[in-house]
């Protein structure tokens, strides 16, 4: 009986510590908050992030074409249980269905989200902002060929 009680106490302590670590990891993503821009050959590209609550952020990627705003993608960063997910819905892709990428690795300030079943990209990577600059990239394979697209944003708001 004492072993059972001890096991329950240890298990609940481990669960609380794990939850706290995951919560801390998620809150670190709050550094994405704001509007970021980068110049491309097609014009200015923007990414905007908003903190909804302690376990959800929403973002969108868009271009400005004269006075028109062209939405490219909507994104959610969410904590579901002990998992952090990057859920993207790109305009005109995947039959307008959202695609989830699971946080599989966190190395210092770099967060790697992965979905090996997705056609492209299979990985979405964000380095947390430094000096008002944000570096993100997508990578994976298409027809057996490795591909990578990088995004170097500057904070504007």
N, C-alpha and C. Protein backbone atom coordinates (compact mmCIF):
# COMPACT_ATOMS: atom_id res chain seq x y z
N UNK A 1 0.82 -1.20 0.00
CA UNK A 1 0.00 0.00 0.00
C UNK A 1 0.86 1.26 0.00
N UNK A 2 1.94 1.26 0.81
CA UNK A 2 2.83 2.41 0.86
C UNK A 2 3.49 2.64 -0.50
N UNK A 3 3.83 1.53 -1.19
CA UNK A 3 4.45 1.66 -2.51
C UNK A 3 3.47 2.28 -3.50
N UNK A 4 2.21 1.92 -3.40
CA UNK A 4 1.19 2.46 -4.29
C UNK A 4 1.03 3.96 -4.06
N UNK A 5 0.96 4.38 -2.80
CA UNK A 5 0.81 5.80 -2.48
C UNK A 5 2.04 6.57 -2.97
N UNK A 6 3.22 6.01 -2.74
CA UNK A 6 4.45 6.65 -3.20
C UNK A 6 4.46 6.78 -4.72
N UNK A 7 4.02 5.76 -5.42
CA UNK A 7 3.95 5.79 -6.88
C UNK A 7 2.98 6.86 -7.36
N UNK A 8 1.86 7.00 -6.71
CA UNK A 8 0.88 8.03 -7.07
C UNK A 8 1.47 9.42 -6.85
N UNK A 9 2.13 9.62 -5.73
CA UNK A 9 2.74 10.93 -5.43
C UNK A 9 3.81 11.25 -6.46
N UNK A 10 4.67 10.31 -6.78
CA UNK A 10 5.74 10.53 -7.76
C UNK A 10 5.14 10.82 -9.13
N UNK A 11 4.13 10.05 -9.53
CA UNK A 11 3.50 10.24 -10.84
C UNK A 11 2.87 11.62 -10.96
N UNK A 12 2.16 12.04 -9.91
CA UNK A 12 1.51 13.36 -9.98
C UNK A 12 2.55 14.47 -10.00
N UNK A 13 3.66 14.29 -9.28
CA UNK A 13 4.72 15.28 -9.28
C UNK A 13 5.35 15.37 -10.66
N UNK A 14 5.64 14.25 -11.30
CA UNK A 14 6.22 14.23 -12.64
C UNK A 14 5.27 14.90 -13.62
N UNK A 15 3.97 14.58 -13.52
CA UNK A 15 2.98 15.18 -14.41
C UNK A 15 2.97 16.70 -14.26
N UNK A 16 3.00 17.22 -13.03
CA UNK A 16 2.98 18.66 -12.81
C UNK A 16 4.24 19.31 -13.34
N UNK A 17 5.40 18.70 -13.13
CA UNK A 17 6.66 19.24 -13.62
C UNK A 17 6.66 19.26 -15.15
N UNK A 18 6.21 18.17 -15.79
CA UNK A 18 6.14 18.11 -17.25
C UNK A 18 5.20 19.18 -17.78
N UNK A 19 4.06 19.37 -17.16
CA UNK A 19 3.11 20.39 -17.59
C UNK A 19 3.73 21.78 -17.47
N UNK A 20 4.48 22.03 -16.37
CA UNK A 20 5.10 23.33 -16.19
C UNK A 20 6.16 23.58 -17.26
N UNK A 21 6.96 22.57 -17.59
CA UNK A 21 7.99 22.72 -18.62
C UNK A 21 7.34 23.02 -19.96
N UNK A 22 6.29 22.28 -20.33
CA UNK A 22 5.61 22.53 -21.60
C UNK A 22 4.98 23.91 -21.63
N UNK A 23 4.40 24.33 -20.51
CA UNK A 23 3.81 25.66 -20.46
C UNK A 23 4.88 26.72 -20.66
N UNK A 24 6.04 26.54 -20.03
CA UNK A 24 7.13 27.50 -20.18
C UNK A 24 7.57 27.54 -21.63
N UNK A 25 7.68 26.40 -22.27
CA UNK A 25 8.08 26.37 -23.67
C UNK A 25 7.07 27.14 -24.51
N UNK A 26 5.79 26.93 -24.27
CA UNK A 26 4.79 27.62 -25.08
C UNK A 26 4.87 29.13 -24.87
N UNK A 27 5.00 29.56 -23.65
CA UNK A 27 5.02 31.00 -23.39
C UNK A 27 6.23 31.67 -24.03
N UNK A 28 7.29 30.92 -24.26
CA UNK A 28 8.45 31.49 -24.94
C UNK A 28 8.10 31.89 -26.37
N UNK A 29 7.12 31.23 -26.96
CA UNK A 29 6.69 31.55 -28.31
C UNK A 29 6.00 32.91 -28.38
N UNK A 30 5.64 33.47 -27.23
CA UNK A 30 5.00 34.78 -27.20
C UNK A 30 5.91 35.86 -27.80
N UNK A 31 7.21 35.57 -27.91
CA UNK A 31 8.13 36.53 -28.53
C UNK A 31 7.80 36.76 -30.00
N UNK A 32 6.99 35.88 -30.59
CA UNK A 32 6.58 36.05 -31.98
C UNK A 32 5.55 37.17 -32.14
N UNK A 33 4.94 37.58 -31.04
CA UNK A 33 3.86 38.58 -31.09
C UNK A 33 4.31 39.82 -31.85
N UNK A 34 3.41 40.29 -32.72
CA UNK A 34 3.68 41.51 -33.46
C UNK A 34 3.55 41.30 -34.95
N UNK A 35 3.93 42.32 -35.69
CA UNK A 35 3.90 42.26 -37.14
C UNK A 35 5.32 42.33 -37.66
N UNK A 36 5.61 41.42 -38.56
CA UNK A 36 6.94 41.24 -39.14
C UNK A 36 6.84 41.42 -40.65
N UNK A 37 7.88 41.95 -41.28
CA UNK A 37 7.84 42.13 -42.73
C UNK A 37 9.18 41.75 -43.35
N UNK A 38 9.09 41.38 -44.62
CA UNK A 38 10.31 41.14 -45.41
C UNK A 38 10.02 41.46 -46.86
N UNK A 39 11.03 41.93 -47.53
CA UNK A 39 10.88 42.25 -48.94
C UNK A 39 11.21 41.01 -49.77
N UNK A 40 10.36 40.74 -50.76
CA UNK A 40 10.58 39.62 -51.67
C UNK A 40 10.51 40.15 -53.11
N UNK A 41 10.79 39.29 -54.06
CA UNK A 41 10.69 39.69 -55.46
C UNK A 41 9.25 39.99 -55.85
N UNK A 42 8.29 39.47 -55.08
CA UNK A 42 6.87 39.71 -55.36
C UNK A 42 6.30 40.86 -54.52
N UNK A 43 7.16 41.56 -53.80
CA UNK A 43 6.71 42.66 -52.96
C UNK A 43 6.88 42.33 -51.49
N UNK A 44 6.27 43.14 -50.64
CA UNK A 44 6.41 42.96 -49.20
C UNK A 44 5.55 41.80 -48.71
N UNK A 45 6.15 40.98 -47.85
CA UNK A 45 5.47 39.86 -47.22
C UNK A 45 5.39 40.17 -45.74
N UNK A 46 4.23 39.89 -45.14
CA UNK A 46 4.01 40.20 -43.73
C UNK A 46 3.58 38.94 -42.97
N UNK A 47 3.96 38.90 -41.72
CA UNK A 47 3.49 37.85 -40.82
C UNK A 47 3.08 38.56 -39.53
N UNK A 48 1.89 38.26 -39.06
CA UNK A 48 1.37 38.91 -37.87
C UNK A 48 0.95 37.85 -36.86
N UNK A 49 1.39 38.01 -35.60
CA UNK A 49 1.07 37.06 -34.53
C UNK A 49 0.38 37.78 -33.39
N UNK A 50 -0.65 37.12 -32.85
CA UNK A 50 -1.43 37.65 -31.72
C UNK A 50 -1.49 36.56 -30.65
N UNK A 51 -1.35 36.96 -29.39
CA UNK A 51 -1.52 36.03 -28.27
C UNK A 51 -3.00 36.01 -27.91
N UNK A 52 -3.64 34.85 -28.00
CA UNK A 52 -5.05 34.74 -27.65
C UNK A 52 -5.25 34.43 -26.17
N UNK A 53 -4.44 33.52 -25.65
CA UNK A 53 -4.47 33.17 -24.23
C UNK A 53 -3.17 32.45 -23.90
N UNK A 54 -3.07 31.82 -22.73
CA UNK A 54 -1.81 31.21 -22.33
C UNK A 54 -1.45 29.95 -23.10
N UNK A 55 -2.34 29.47 -23.97
CA UNK A 55 -2.04 28.26 -24.72
C UNK A 55 -2.40 28.36 -26.21
N UNK A 56 -2.65 29.58 -26.68
CA UNK A 56 -3.02 29.74 -28.09
C UNK A 56 -2.51 31.07 -28.64
N UNK A 57 -1.92 30.98 -29.83
CA UNK A 57 -1.56 32.17 -30.60
C UNK A 57 -2.14 31.98 -32.00
N UNK A 58 -2.49 33.07 -32.64
CA UNK A 58 -2.92 32.98 -34.03
C UNK A 58 -2.06 33.91 -34.87
N UNK A 59 -1.85 33.48 -36.09
CA UNK A 59 -1.03 34.26 -36.99
C UNK A 59 -1.60 34.24 -38.40
N UNK A 60 -1.10 35.16 -39.19
CA UNK A 60 -1.47 35.16 -40.59
C UNK A 60 -0.30 35.70 -41.39
N UNK A 61 -0.21 35.20 -42.61
CA UNK A 61 0.80 35.64 -43.55
C UNK A 61 0.06 36.26 -44.72
N UNK A 62 0.52 37.44 -45.16
CA UNK A 62 -0.19 38.14 -46.22
C UNK A 62 0.74 39.05 -47.00
N UNK A 63 0.30 39.44 -48.18
CA UNK A 63 0.98 40.41 -49.02
C UNK A 63 0.05 41.59 -49.24
N UNK A 64 0.64 42.73 -49.49
CA UNK A 64 -0.15 43.89 -49.89
C UNK A 64 0.06 44.10 -51.38
N UNK A 65 -1.05 44.23 -52.11
CA UNK A 65 -1.02 44.49 -53.54
C UNK A 65 -1.79 45.79 -53.75
N UNK A 66 -1.06 46.89 -53.88
CA UNK A 66 -1.66 48.22 -53.88
C UNK A 66 -2.46 48.39 -52.60
N UNK A 67 -3.77 48.50 -52.67
CA UNK A 67 -4.58 48.66 -51.47
C UNK A 67 -5.24 47.35 -51.04
N UNK A 68 -4.98 46.27 -51.78
CA UNK A 68 -5.57 44.96 -51.44
C UNK A 68 -4.65 44.15 -50.53
N UNK A 69 -5.24 43.49 -49.56
CA UNK A 69 -4.51 42.57 -48.71
C UNK A 69 -4.79 41.16 -49.22
N UNK A 70 -3.73 40.44 -49.56
CA UNK A 70 -3.87 39.08 -50.09
C UNK A 70 -3.43 38.11 -49.00
N UNK A 71 -4.40 37.42 -48.41
CA UNK A 71 -4.12 36.44 -47.36
C UNK A 71 -3.47 35.21 -47.97
N UNK A 72 -2.34 34.80 -47.43
CA UNK A 72 -1.63 33.62 -47.92
C UNK A 72 -1.84 32.41 -47.03
N UNK A 73 -1.89 32.66 -45.72
CA UNK A 73 -1.96 31.55 -44.78
C UNK A 73 -2.45 32.04 -43.43
N UNK A 74 -3.25 31.22 -42.76
CA UNK A 74 -3.59 31.48 -41.37
C UNK A 74 -2.97 30.35 -40.54
N UNK A 75 -2.54 30.69 -39.35
CA UNK A 75 -1.79 29.74 -38.53
C UNK A 75 -2.26 29.82 -37.08
N UNK A 76 -2.24 28.69 -36.42
CA UNK A 76 -2.47 28.65 -34.99
C UNK A 76 -1.33 27.93 -34.32
N UNK A 77 -0.84 28.47 -33.24
CA UNK A 77 0.09 27.77 -32.36
C UNK A 77 -0.72 27.44 -31.12
N UNK A 78 -0.87 26.15 -30.83
CA UNK A 78 -1.73 25.75 -29.73
C UNK A 78 -1.08 24.69 -28.87
N UNK A 79 -1.43 24.74 -27.61
CA UNK A 79 -1.02 23.71 -26.66
C UNK A 79 -2.21 22.79 -26.49
N UNK A 80 -2.05 21.53 -26.87
CA UNK A 80 -3.11 20.52 -26.69
C UNK A 80 -2.53 19.40 -25.85
N UNK A 81 -2.99 19.33 -24.62
CA UNK A 81 -2.41 18.36 -23.70
C UNK A 81 -0.97 18.73 -23.48
N UNK A 82 -0.07 17.80 -23.75
CA UNK A 82 1.36 18.07 -23.59
C UNK A 82 2.03 18.39 -24.91
N UNK A 83 1.24 18.51 -25.98
CA UNK A 83 1.79 18.78 -27.31
C UNK A 83 1.62 20.24 -27.71
N UNK A 84 2.63 20.78 -28.38
CA UNK A 84 2.51 22.09 -28.99
C UNK A 84 2.40 21.86 -30.49
N UNK A 85 1.36 22.43 -31.10
CA UNK A 85 1.10 22.23 -32.51
C UNK A 85 1.14 23.55 -33.27
N UNK A 86 1.64 23.47 -34.48
CA UNK A 86 1.61 24.57 -35.45
C UNK A 86 0.60 24.12 -36.49
N UNK A 87 -0.54 24.80 -36.57
CA UNK A 87 -1.63 24.37 -37.44
C UNK A 87 -1.82 25.44 -38.52
N UNK A 88 -1.54 25.05 -39.77
CA UNK A 88 -1.56 26.01 -40.88
C UNK A 88 -2.65 25.69 -41.88
N UNK A 89 -3.23 26.73 -42.41
CA UNK A 89 -4.21 26.62 -43.48
C UNK A 89 -3.78 27.61 -44.57
N UNK A 90 -3.26 27.06 -45.67
CA UNK A 90 -2.76 27.91 -46.76
C UNK A 90 -3.84 28.08 -47.82
N UNK A 91 -3.99 29.28 -48.29
CA UNK A 91 -4.98 29.57 -49.33
C UNK A 91 -4.70 28.74 -50.58
N UNK A 92 -5.73 28.04 -51.06
CA UNK A 92 -5.63 27.27 -52.29
C UNK A 92 -4.85 25.97 -52.18
N UNK A 93 -4.58 25.51 -50.97
CA UNK A 93 -3.81 24.28 -50.79
C UNK A 93 -4.55 23.33 -49.86
N UNK A 94 -4.28 22.05 -50.00
CA UNK A 94 -4.81 21.00 -49.11
C UNK A 94 -6.33 21.05 -49.00
N UNK A 95 -6.99 21.39 -50.09
CA UNK A 95 -8.46 21.50 -50.11
C UNK A 95 -8.96 22.40 -48.99
N UNK A 96 -8.21 23.45 -48.70
CA UNK A 96 -8.53 24.42 -47.66
C UNK A 96 -8.59 23.79 -46.26
N UNK A 97 -8.00 22.60 -46.11
CA UNK A 97 -7.96 21.94 -44.81
C UNK A 97 -6.69 22.34 -44.07
N UNK A 98 -6.82 22.51 -42.77
CA UNK A 98 -5.67 22.84 -41.94
C UNK A 98 -4.75 21.63 -41.81
N UNK A 99 -3.46 21.89 -41.73
CA UNK A 99 -2.45 20.84 -41.58
C UNK A 99 -1.71 21.10 -40.28
N UNK A 100 -1.62 20.08 -39.43
CA UNK A 100 -0.95 20.22 -38.13
C UNK A 100 0.48 19.70 -38.20
N UNK A 101 1.37 20.45 -37.59
CA UNK A 101 2.77 20.08 -37.43
C UNK A 101 3.05 20.04 -35.93
N UNK A 102 3.63 18.95 -35.46
CA UNK A 102 3.87 18.77 -34.03
C UNK A 102 5.28 19.25 -33.68
N UNK A 103 5.40 19.93 -32.54
CA UNK A 103 6.72 20.32 -32.06
C UNK A 103 7.48 19.05 -31.71
N UNK A 104 8.57 18.79 -32.43
CA UNK A 104 9.34 17.57 -32.22
C UNK A 104 10.70 17.82 -31.60
N UNK A 105 11.14 19.08 -31.67
CA UNK A 105 12.44 19.38 -31.11
C UNK A 105 12.51 20.86 -30.80
N UNK A 106 13.18 21.13 -29.72
CA UNK A 106 13.43 22.50 -29.33
C UNK A 106 14.89 22.57 -28.93
N UNK A 107 15.67 23.36 -29.67
CA UNK A 107 17.09 23.48 -29.41
C UNK A 107 17.38 24.96 -29.17
N UNK A 108 17.62 25.31 -27.92
CA UNK A 108 17.81 26.71 -27.53
C UNK A 108 16.62 27.55 -27.99
N UNK A 109 16.83 28.44 -28.94
CA UNK A 109 15.76 29.33 -29.39
C UNK A 109 15.12 28.86 -30.69
N UNK A 110 15.37 27.64 -31.10
CA UNK A 110 14.83 27.11 -32.35
C UNK A 110 13.78 26.05 -32.06
N UNK A 111 12.58 26.25 -32.65
CA UNK A 111 11.47 25.33 -32.48
C UNK A 111 11.20 24.63 -33.81
N UNK A 112 11.23 23.30 -33.81
CA UNK A 112 11.05 22.52 -35.04
C UNK A 112 9.72 21.77 -34.96
N UNK A 113 8.83 22.10 -35.89
CA UNK A 113 7.53 21.46 -36.00
C UNK A 113 7.59 20.53 -37.21
N UNK A 114 6.99 19.35 -37.07
CA UNK A 114 7.13 18.37 -38.15
C UNK A 114 5.83 17.62 -38.42
N UNK A 115 5.62 17.33 -39.69
CA UNK A 115 4.54 16.46 -40.15
C UNK A 115 5.10 15.68 -41.33
N UNK A 116 5.68 14.49 -41.08
CA UNK A 116 6.31 13.72 -42.16
C UNK A 116 5.33 13.24 -43.22
N UNK A 117 4.03 13.25 -42.93
CA UNK A 117 3.03 12.79 -43.88
C UNK A 117 2.62 13.88 -44.88
N UNK A 118 2.95 15.13 -44.61
CA UNK A 118 2.55 16.23 -45.49
C UNK A 118 3.44 16.26 -46.73
N UNK A 119 2.85 16.67 -47.87
CA UNK A 119 3.61 16.68 -49.12
C UNK A 119 4.79 17.66 -49.05
N UNK A 120 4.55 18.90 -48.78
CA UNK A 120 5.59 19.90 -48.57
C UNK A 120 4.95 21.11 -47.92
N UNK A 121 5.59 21.64 -46.93
CA UNK A 121 6.81 21.19 -46.28
C UNK A 121 6.53 20.09 -45.27
N UNK A 122 7.57 19.40 -44.85
CA UNK A 122 7.43 18.43 -43.78
C UNK A 122 7.85 19.04 -42.43
N UNK A 123 8.63 20.12 -42.51
CA UNK A 123 9.08 20.79 -41.29
C UNK A 123 8.89 22.30 -41.41
N UNK A 124 8.48 22.90 -40.29
CA UNK A 124 8.36 24.35 -40.16
C UNK A 124 9.23 24.72 -38.96
N UNK A 125 10.17 25.61 -39.17
CA UNK A 125 11.13 25.94 -38.12
C UNK A 125 11.10 27.45 -37.85
N UNK A 126 11.07 27.79 -36.57
CA UNK A 126 11.14 29.18 -36.14
C UNK A 126 12.28 29.34 -35.16
N UNK A 127 13.11 30.35 -35.40
CA UNK A 127 14.07 30.80 -34.40
C UNK A 127 13.44 32.00 -33.73
N UNK A 128 13.45 32.00 -32.43
CA UNK A 128 12.85 33.13 -31.72
C UNK A 128 13.58 34.42 -32.08
N UNK A 129 12.83 35.52 -32.09
CA UNK A 129 13.41 36.80 -32.53
C UNK A 129 14.60 37.24 -31.70
N UNK A 130 15.54 37.85 -32.43
CA UNK A 130 16.71 38.47 -31.80
C UNK A 130 16.90 39.82 -32.47
N UNK A 131 17.07 40.86 -31.68
CA UNK A 131 17.32 42.20 -32.21
C UNK A 131 16.28 42.62 -33.25
N UNK A 132 15.00 42.34 -32.93
CA UNK A 132 13.88 42.73 -33.80
C UNK A 132 13.91 42.02 -35.16
N UNK A 133 14.59 40.87 -35.23
CA UNK A 133 14.64 40.08 -36.46
C UNK A 133 14.14 38.67 -36.17
N UNK A 134 13.39 38.14 -37.12
CA UNK A 134 12.80 36.80 -36.99
C UNK A 134 13.24 35.97 -38.19
N UNK A 135 13.77 34.79 -37.92
CA UNK A 135 14.18 33.87 -38.98
C UNK A 135 13.31 32.63 -38.88
N UNK A 136 12.65 32.30 -39.98
CA UNK A 136 11.82 31.10 -40.06
C UNK A 136 12.11 30.44 -41.39
N UNK A 137 11.85 29.14 -41.47
CA UNK A 137 11.99 28.46 -42.75
C UNK A 137 11.14 27.22 -42.78
N UNK A 138 10.85 26.79 -44.00
CA UNK A 138 10.14 25.54 -44.22
C UNK A 138 11.08 24.65 -45.03
N UNK A 139 10.98 23.36 -44.79
CA UNK A 139 11.85 22.44 -45.52
C UNK A 139 11.21 21.07 -45.64
N UNK A 140 11.75 20.29 -46.55
CA UNK A 140 11.27 18.95 -46.78
C UNK A 140 11.71 18.48 -48.15
N UNK A 141 11.03 17.48 -48.65
CA UNK A 141 11.36 16.95 -49.97
C UNK A 141 10.15 16.99 -50.88
N UNK A 142 10.43 17.22 -52.15
CA UNK A 142 9.43 17.14 -53.21
C UNK A 142 10.03 16.24 -54.29
N UNK A 143 9.36 15.14 -54.59
CA UNK A 143 9.86 14.18 -55.59
C UNK A 143 11.30 13.76 -55.30
N UNK A 144 11.59 13.53 -54.03
CA UNK A 144 12.91 13.07 -53.62
C UNK A 144 13.97 14.15 -53.57
N UNK A 145 13.62 15.38 -53.90
CA UNK A 145 14.57 16.50 -53.87
C UNK A 145 14.35 17.34 -52.62
N UNK A 146 15.44 17.63 -51.92
CA UNK A 146 15.35 18.48 -50.73
C UNK A 146 15.06 19.92 -51.14
N UNK A 147 14.17 20.55 -50.39
CA UNK A 147 13.80 21.94 -50.64
C UNK A 147 13.78 22.70 -49.32
N UNK A 148 14.08 23.99 -49.43
CA UNK A 148 14.06 24.84 -48.24
C UNK A 148 13.75 26.26 -48.68
N UNK A 149 12.84 26.90 -47.99
CA UNK A 149 12.52 28.31 -48.23
C UNK A 149 12.70 29.06 -46.92
N UNK A 150 13.50 30.11 -46.96
CA UNK A 150 13.80 30.87 -45.74
C UNK A 150 13.07 32.21 -45.75
N UNK A 151 12.76 32.66 -44.53
CA UNK A 151 12.07 33.92 -44.34
C UNK A 151 12.82 34.72 -43.28
N UNK A 152 13.30 35.90 -43.66
CA UNK A 152 14.04 36.79 -42.76
C UNK A 152 13.22 38.07 -42.58
N UNK A 153 12.53 38.14 -41.46
CA UNK A 153 11.62 39.24 -41.17
C UNK A 153 12.26 40.26 -40.24
N UNK A 154 11.76 41.49 -40.35
CA UNK A 154 12.09 42.55 -39.40
C UNK A 154 10.80 42.97 -38.73
N UNK A 155 10.87 43.25 -37.45
CA UNK A 155 9.67 43.66 -36.70
C UNK A 155 9.30 45.08 -37.07
N UNK A 156 8.00 45.28 -37.37
CA UNK A 156 7.55 46.64 -37.67
C UNK A 156 6.58 47.15 -36.61
N UNK A 157 5.91 46.23 -35.90
CA UNK A 157 4.99 46.63 -34.82
C UNK A 157 5.13 45.63 -33.69
